[in-house]
N, C-alpha and C. Protein backbone atom coordinates (compact mmCIF):
# COMPACT_ATOMS: atom_id res chain seq x y z
N MET A 1 -52.08 7.41 13.51
CA MET A 1 -52.79 8.63 13.19
C MET A 1 -52.77 9.54 14.42
N LEU A 2 -52.80 10.82 14.18
CA LEU A 2 -52.80 11.80 15.25
C LEU A 2 -54.18 12.41 15.41
N LYS A 3 -54.49 12.80 16.64
CA LYS A 3 -55.74 13.48 16.90
C LYS A 3 -55.53 14.51 18.01
N ILE A 4 -56.43 15.46 18.06
CA ILE A 4 -56.41 16.46 19.12
C ILE A 4 -56.96 15.80 20.38
N LYS A 5 -56.29 16.00 21.49
CA LYS A 5 -56.72 15.38 22.75
C LYS A 5 -58.14 15.81 23.10
N ASP A 6 -58.86 14.89 23.74
CA ASP A 6 -60.26 15.14 24.10
C ASP A 6 -60.41 16.28 25.11
N ILE A 7 -59.40 16.53 25.90
CA ILE A 7 -59.50 17.57 26.93
C ILE A 7 -59.26 18.98 26.38
N VAL A 8 -58.86 19.07 25.13
CA VAL A 8 -58.53 20.36 24.52
C VAL A 8 -59.78 21.01 23.93
N ASP A 9 -59.98 22.29 24.25
CA ASP A 9 -61.06 23.06 23.63
C ASP A 9 -60.63 23.36 22.19
N LEU A 10 -61.42 22.97 21.23
CA LEU A 10 -61.03 23.13 19.83
C LEU A 10 -60.86 24.58 19.41
N LYS A 11 -61.41 25.52 20.15
CA LYS A 11 -61.19 26.94 19.86
C LYS A 11 -59.71 27.29 19.96
N GLU A 12 -58.93 26.50 20.73
CA GLU A 12 -57.49 26.71 20.87
C GLU A 12 -56.78 26.62 19.51
N LEU A 13 -57.34 25.86 18.58
CA LEU A 13 -56.71 25.68 17.28
C LEU A 13 -56.58 26.99 16.52
N GLU A 14 -57.47 27.91 16.78
CA GLU A 14 -57.43 29.20 16.10
C GLU A 14 -56.16 29.97 16.45
N LYS A 15 -55.61 29.75 17.63
CA LYS A 15 -54.35 30.39 18.04
C LYS A 15 -53.18 29.92 17.18
N PHE A 16 -53.34 28.74 16.57
CA PHE A 16 -52.27 28.16 15.77
C PHE A 16 -52.50 28.34 14.27
N GLY A 17 -53.46 29.17 13.90
CA GLY A 17 -53.69 29.48 12.50
C GLY A 17 -54.77 28.65 11.82
N PHE A 18 -55.47 27.80 12.57
CA PHE A 18 -56.56 27.02 12.00
C PHE A 18 -57.81 27.88 11.87
N LYS A 19 -58.53 27.67 10.80
CA LYS A 19 -59.75 28.43 10.54
C LYS A 19 -60.95 27.49 10.62
N PRO A 20 -62.01 27.88 11.32
CA PRO A 20 -63.21 27.03 11.38
C PRO A 20 -63.96 27.06 10.06
N LYS A 21 -64.49 25.92 9.68
CA LYS A 21 -65.36 25.81 8.51
C LYS A 21 -66.72 25.35 8.98
N TYR A 22 -67.75 26.09 8.58
CA TYR A 22 -69.10 25.88 9.09
C TYR A 22 -69.97 25.11 8.11
N ASN A 23 -70.90 24.35 8.64
CA ASN A 23 -71.92 23.69 7.85
C ASN A 23 -72.91 24.76 7.40
N GLU A 24 -73.19 24.82 6.12
CA GLU A 24 -74.07 25.86 5.60
C GLU A 24 -75.52 25.72 6.08
N ASP A 25 -75.94 24.50 6.37
CA ASP A 25 -77.31 24.27 6.80
C ASP A 25 -77.51 24.56 8.29
N THR A 26 -76.58 24.08 9.11
CA THR A 26 -76.76 24.20 10.56
C THR A 26 -76.03 25.39 11.16
N GLY A 27 -75.01 25.88 10.48
CA GLY A 27 -74.23 26.99 11.00
C GLY A 27 -73.23 26.57 12.06
N LYS A 28 -73.09 25.26 12.30
CA LYS A 28 -72.15 24.75 13.30
C LYS A 28 -70.81 24.44 12.64
N ILE A 29 -69.75 24.51 13.43
CA ILE A 29 -68.42 24.20 12.93
C ILE A 29 -68.33 22.70 12.66
N GLU A 30 -67.87 22.34 11.45
CA GLU A 30 -67.69 20.94 11.07
C GLU A 30 -66.24 20.50 11.18
N ARG A 31 -65.33 21.43 10.87
CA ARG A 31 -63.91 21.09 10.85
C ARG A 31 -63.09 22.35 10.96
N TYR A 32 -61.81 22.16 11.23
CA TYR A 32 -60.85 23.25 11.20
C TYR A 32 -59.85 22.95 10.10
N ILE A 33 -59.46 23.98 9.38
CA ILE A 33 -58.52 23.81 8.26
C ILE A 33 -57.33 24.73 8.47
N TYR A 34 -56.14 24.19 8.19
CA TYR A 34 -54.92 24.97 8.29
C TYR A 34 -54.33 25.16 6.90
N ASN A 35 -54.35 26.37 6.41
CA ASN A 35 -53.64 26.74 5.18
C ASN A 35 -53.84 25.75 4.03
N ASN A 36 -55.05 25.20 3.91
CA ASN A 36 -55.34 24.21 2.86
C ASN A 36 -54.36 23.04 2.86
N SER A 37 -53.77 22.74 4.02
CA SER A 37 -52.82 21.64 4.12
C SER A 37 -53.27 20.55 5.09
N MET A 38 -54.07 20.91 6.08
CA MET A 38 -54.48 19.96 7.10
C MET A 38 -55.93 20.22 7.50
N VAL A 39 -56.64 19.13 7.75
CA VAL A 39 -58.04 19.21 8.19
C VAL A 39 -58.16 18.46 9.50
N ILE A 40 -58.88 19.06 10.45
CA ILE A 40 -59.21 18.39 11.70
C ILE A 40 -60.72 18.32 11.79
N ASN A 41 -61.25 17.09 11.78
CA ASN A 41 -62.70 16.90 11.88
C ASN A 41 -63.15 17.07 13.32
N ILE A 42 -64.29 17.70 13.51
CA ILE A 42 -64.82 17.95 14.85
C ILE A 42 -65.28 16.65 15.51
N LYS A 43 -65.92 15.77 14.77
CA LYS A 43 -66.49 14.55 15.35
C LYS A 43 -65.44 13.65 15.99
N ASP A 44 -64.39 13.31 15.26
CA ASP A 44 -63.40 12.37 15.79
C ASP A 44 -62.09 13.02 16.21
N ARG A 45 -61.93 14.34 15.91
CA ARG A 45 -60.74 15.12 16.27
C ARG A 45 -59.47 14.63 15.58
N LYS A 46 -59.61 13.78 14.57
CA LYS A 46 -58.43 13.26 13.87
C LYS A 46 -57.93 14.27 12.85
N MET A 47 -56.64 14.20 12.60
CA MET A 47 -55.97 15.13 11.69
C MET A 47 -55.70 14.43 10.37
N TYR A 48 -56.07 15.08 9.29
CA TYR A 48 -55.88 14.52 7.96
C TYR A 48 -55.19 15.55 7.07
N PRO A 49 -54.29 15.09 6.18
CA PRO A 49 -53.76 16.04 5.20
C PRO A 49 -54.85 16.38 4.20
N PHE A 50 -54.86 17.62 3.75
CA PHE A 50 -55.81 18.05 2.73
C PHE A 50 -55.22 17.68 1.39
N ARG A 51 -55.97 16.96 0.59
CA ARG A 51 -55.46 16.54 -0.73
C ARG A 51 -56.37 17.08 -1.81
N LYS A 52 -55.77 17.55 -2.87
CA LYS A 52 -56.53 18.02 -4.03
C LYS A 52 -56.41 16.95 -5.11
N TYR A 53 -57.53 16.63 -5.73
CA TYR A 53 -57.55 15.61 -6.77
C TYR A 53 -57.71 16.27 -8.14
N ASN A 54 -57.06 15.66 -9.15
CA ASN A 54 -57.19 16.18 -10.50
C ASN A 54 -58.43 15.58 -11.17
N GLU A 55 -58.62 15.88 -12.44
CA GLU A 55 -59.82 15.43 -13.15
C GLU A 55 -59.92 13.92 -13.28
N TYR A 56 -58.82 13.19 -13.05
CA TYR A 56 -58.83 11.73 -13.14
C TYR A 56 -58.97 11.07 -11.76
N SER A 57 -59.33 11.86 -10.76
CA SER A 57 -59.49 11.40 -9.38
C SER A 57 -58.19 10.86 -8.79
N GLU A 58 -57.08 11.38 -9.27
CA GLU A 58 -55.78 11.04 -8.71
C GLU A 58 -55.30 12.20 -7.86
N ILE A 59 -54.51 11.90 -6.84
CA ILE A 59 -53.99 12.96 -5.99
C ILE A 59 -53.04 13.83 -6.81
N ASP A 60 -53.26 15.12 -6.76
CA ASP A 60 -52.41 16.07 -7.46
C ASP A 60 -51.17 16.32 -6.60
N LEU A 61 -50.10 15.61 -6.90
CA LEU A 61 -48.90 15.66 -6.07
C LEU A 61 -48.22 17.02 -6.09
N GLU A 62 -48.40 17.76 -7.15
CA GLU A 62 -47.82 19.10 -7.19
C GLU A 62 -48.49 20.01 -6.17
N TYR A 63 -49.78 19.78 -5.95
CA TYR A 63 -50.52 20.62 -5.02
C TYR A 63 -50.30 20.18 -3.58
N PHE A 64 -50.13 18.89 -3.35
CA PHE A 64 -50.00 18.37 -1.99
C PHE A 64 -48.77 18.97 -1.33
N LYS A 65 -48.98 19.61 -0.19
CA LYS A 65 -47.88 20.27 0.51
C LYS A 65 -47.70 19.64 1.88
N ALA A 66 -46.47 19.49 2.32
CA ALA A 66 -46.19 18.96 3.65
C ALA A 66 -45.72 20.07 4.58
N ASP A 67 -46.01 21.31 4.24
CA ASP A 67 -45.59 22.43 5.09
C ASP A 67 -46.16 22.32 6.49
N PHE A 68 -47.35 21.72 6.61
CA PHE A 68 -47.99 21.66 7.92
C PHE A 68 -47.14 20.88 8.92
N VAL A 69 -46.32 19.95 8.46
CA VAL A 69 -45.46 19.19 9.38
C VAL A 69 -44.50 20.12 10.08
N GLU A 70 -43.91 21.03 9.33
CA GLU A 70 -42.96 21.97 9.91
C GLU A 70 -43.64 23.05 10.72
N GLU A 71 -44.78 23.48 10.31
CA GLU A 71 -45.44 24.62 10.94
C GLU A 71 -46.43 24.20 12.01
N ALA A 72 -47.65 23.95 11.65
CA ALA A 72 -48.74 23.74 12.61
C ALA A 72 -48.57 22.48 13.42
N LEU A 73 -48.21 21.38 12.79
CA LEU A 73 -48.10 20.12 13.52
C LEU A 73 -47.05 20.21 14.61
N TYR A 74 -45.91 20.80 14.30
CA TYR A 74 -44.86 20.97 15.29
C TYR A 74 -45.36 21.80 16.47
N ASP A 75 -46.06 22.88 16.17
CA ASP A 75 -46.58 23.75 17.23
C ASP A 75 -47.61 23.04 18.10
N LEU A 76 -48.48 22.24 17.48
CA LEU A 76 -49.50 21.51 18.22
C LEU A 76 -48.88 20.45 19.14
N ILE A 77 -47.87 19.77 18.65
CA ILE A 77 -47.18 18.77 19.47
C ILE A 77 -46.46 19.43 20.63
N LYS A 78 -45.78 20.51 20.35
CA LYS A 78 -45.04 21.23 21.39
C LYS A 78 -45.97 21.76 22.47
N ALA A 79 -47.18 22.15 22.10
CA ALA A 79 -48.17 22.65 23.06
C ALA A 79 -48.90 21.52 23.76
N ASP A 80 -48.57 20.27 23.43
CA ASP A 80 -49.14 19.07 24.06
C ASP A 80 -50.65 18.97 23.81
N LEU A 81 -51.07 19.28 22.59
CA LEU A 81 -52.48 19.20 22.22
C LEU A 81 -52.82 17.95 21.41
N VAL A 82 -51.79 17.18 21.03
CA VAL A 82 -51.95 16.08 20.10
C VAL A 82 -51.58 14.76 20.78
N GLU A 83 -52.30 13.71 20.38
CA GLU A 83 -51.95 12.36 20.83
C GLU A 83 -52.03 11.39 19.66
N LYS A 84 -51.29 10.29 19.76
CA LYS A 84 -51.29 9.29 18.70
C LYS A 84 -52.36 8.25 19.01
N VAL A 85 -53.15 7.90 18.00
CA VAL A 85 -54.19 6.89 18.15
C VAL A 85 -54.08 5.90 17.01
N GLY A 86 -54.35 4.64 17.27
CA GLY A 86 -54.33 3.63 16.22
C GLY A 86 -53.01 3.55 15.51
N GLU A 87 -53.10 3.17 14.24
CA GLU A 87 -51.90 3.03 13.42
C GLU A 87 -51.60 4.28 12.65
């Protein structure tokens, strides 16, 4: 799994097209989202693909896009903001 390095200020993600998503109750940023394709959680800094589920709780494969691999993920790796953790 990939995560944003601990030394990186998460505001840097906005330069790469990530948008902050705020908690409605606290007003604090909970995660950053890239083009509805990738989510980065603030707590653990891990990167997850965004998946849409259909009415049967199955992953909607037509909706699932891997564009983030070519776009944002490549840019983040090239900028040395990402590290591999775990499996």
